[in-house]
Amino acid sequence: MLVVAGHIDFDPATTERAKEACAAMMAATHEEPGNRAYVFSIDTSNPGRMQIFECWDSQEDLDAHFTLPHMADFQAVVPELGISAMKIDKYHVSSVEPMRT
């Protein structure tokens, strides 16, 4: 299993456009084979930062994700968002268990 997590810093003036693009991307991605989670969220303490969390069954599923039309649609919007920084990492996960408190 793969986990992709990170953030994108963008112009806060484009927040509504970012939300629209992210909502469309999330809805389409949730239908993809091998996708377990796919979430963009605006950081409540920094409205110019979008947090990203994804979970995939395999590298093949993630690779296929990058070839789909909704990815191209999202990538077309990215230049409009005034992105100033991006840090996204991919983690290879060997086991998962419930969090105990």
Protein backbone atom coordinates (compact mmCIF):
# COMPACT_ATOMS: atom_id res chain seq x y z
CA MET A 1 0.00 0.00 0.00
CA LEU A 2 1.12 3.56 -0.71
CA VAL A 3 0.31 6.73 1.19
CA VAL A 4 0.85 10.10 -0.46
CA ALA A 5 0.80 13.11 1.88
CA GLY A 6 1.91 16.68 1.83
CA HIS A 7 0.83 20.22 1.12
CA ILE A 8 0.56 22.83 -1.60
CA ASP A 9 0.86 26.55 -0.83
CA PHE A 10 -1.22 28.74 -3.13
CA ASP A 11 -2.63 32.26 -3.41
CA PRO A 12 -5.48 32.51 -0.85
CA ALA A 13 -7.36 34.72 -3.32
CA THR A 14 -7.88 31.58 -5.44
CA THR A 15 -9.35 29.47 -2.61
CA GLU A 16 -12.80 29.09 -4.18
CA ARG A 17 -11.32 28.00 -7.52
CA ALA A 18 -9.04 25.56 -5.68
CA LYS A 19 -12.00 24.11 -3.78
CA GLU A 20 -13.97 23.60 -7.01
CA ALA A 21 -11.08 21.87 -8.75
CA CYS A 22 -10.30 19.72 -5.71
CA ALA A 23 -13.92 18.65 -5.23
CA ALA A 24 -14.14 17.46 -8.85
CA MET A 25 -10.79 15.68 -8.59
CA MET A 26 -11.71 13.98 -5.32
CA ALA A 27 -15.09 12.76 -6.60
CA ALA A 28 -13.58 11.23 -9.74
CA THR A 29 -10.59 9.74 -7.93
CA HIS A 30 -12.77 8.03 -5.32
CA GLU A 31 -14.16 5.93 -8.19
CA GLU A 32 -10.74 4.70 -9.34
CA PRO A 33 -9.61 1.11 -8.80
CA GLY A 34 -7.10 0.83 -5.98
CA ASN A 35 -7.95 4.16 -4.35
CA ARG A 36 -8.65 3.88 -0.63
CA ALA A 37 -8.57 7.58 0.26
CA TYR A 38 -8.09 10.84 -1.58
CA VAL A 39 -8.53 14.10 0.29
CA PHE A 40 -7.62 17.71 -0.33
CA SER A 41 -8.38 20.07 2.55
CA ILE A 42 -7.76 23.75 3.12
CA ASP A 43 -5.67 24.27 6.26
CA THR A 44 -7.88 26.11 8.77
CA SER A 45 -4.91 27.96 10.27
CA ASN A 46 -3.42 28.85 6.85
CA PRO A 47 -6.02 29.44 4.12
CA GLY A 48 -3.25 29.51 1.52
CA ARG A 49 -2.26 25.92 2.20
CA MET A 50 -3.96 22.78 0.95
CA GLN A 51 -3.21 19.51 2.74
CA ILE A 52 -3.16 16.32 0.66
CA PHE A 53 -3.75 12.74 1.79
CA GLU A 54 -4.02 9.76 -0.55
CA CYS A 55 -3.95 6.00 -0.05
CA TRP A 56 -3.46 3.53 -2.92
CA ASP A 57 -3.35 -0.25 -3.15
CA SER A 58 -0.35 -0.25 -5.51
CA GLN A 59 2.08 1.79 -7.56
CA GLU A 60 0.25 0.60 -10.67
CA ASP A 61 -3.00 2.11 -9.37
CA LEU A 62 -1.23 5.40 -8.62
CA ASP A 63 0.44 5.41 -12.05
CA ALA A 64 -2.93 4.87 -13.74
CA HIS A 65 -4.37 7.80 -11.75
CA PHE A 66 -1.94 10.17 -13.46
CA THR A 67 -3.16 9.14 -16.94
CA LEU A 68 -6.88 9.82 -16.44
CA PRO A 69 -8.86 12.75 -17.87
CA HIS A 70 -9.76 14.21 -14.48
CA MET A 71 -6.04 14.49 -13.68
CA ALA A 72 -5.51 16.43 -16.92
CA ASP A 73 -8.48 18.67 -16.04
CA PHE A 74 -7.02 19.34 -12.59
CA GLN A 75 -3.54 20.01 -13.98
CA ALA A 76 -5.06 22.59 -16.34
CA VAL A 77 -6.39 24.54 -13.33
CA VAL A 78 -3.16 24.41 -11.30
CA PRO A 79 -1.51 27.41 -13.05
CA GLU A 80 -4.52 29.56 -12.04
CA LEU A 81 -3.94 28.94 -8.33
CA GLY A 82 -0.72 30.90 -7.83
CA ILE A 83 1.22 28.01 -6.32
CA SER A 84 4.27 29.17 -4.36
CA ALA A 85 5.46 25.91 -2.79
CA MET A 86 4.72 22.21 -2.81
CA LYS A 87 5.94 19.29 -0.71
CA ILE A 88 4.39 15.89 -1.36
CA ASP A 89 5.89 12.60 -0.23
CA LYS A 90 5.08 8.96 -1.02
CA TYR A 91 5.27 6.36 1.74
CA HIS A 92 5.42 2.58 1.27
CA VAL A 93 3.32 1.05 4.04
CA SER A 94 3.85 -2.55 5.11
CA SER A 95 1.16 -2.79 7.79
CA VAL A 96 -1.82 -0.89 9.16
CA GLU A 97 -3.57 -1.24 12.51
CA PRO A 98 -6.19 0.75 14.40
CA MET A 99 -4.97 3.61 16.55
CA ARG A 100 -5.41 2.88 20.22
CA THR A 101 -5.68 5.64 22.80
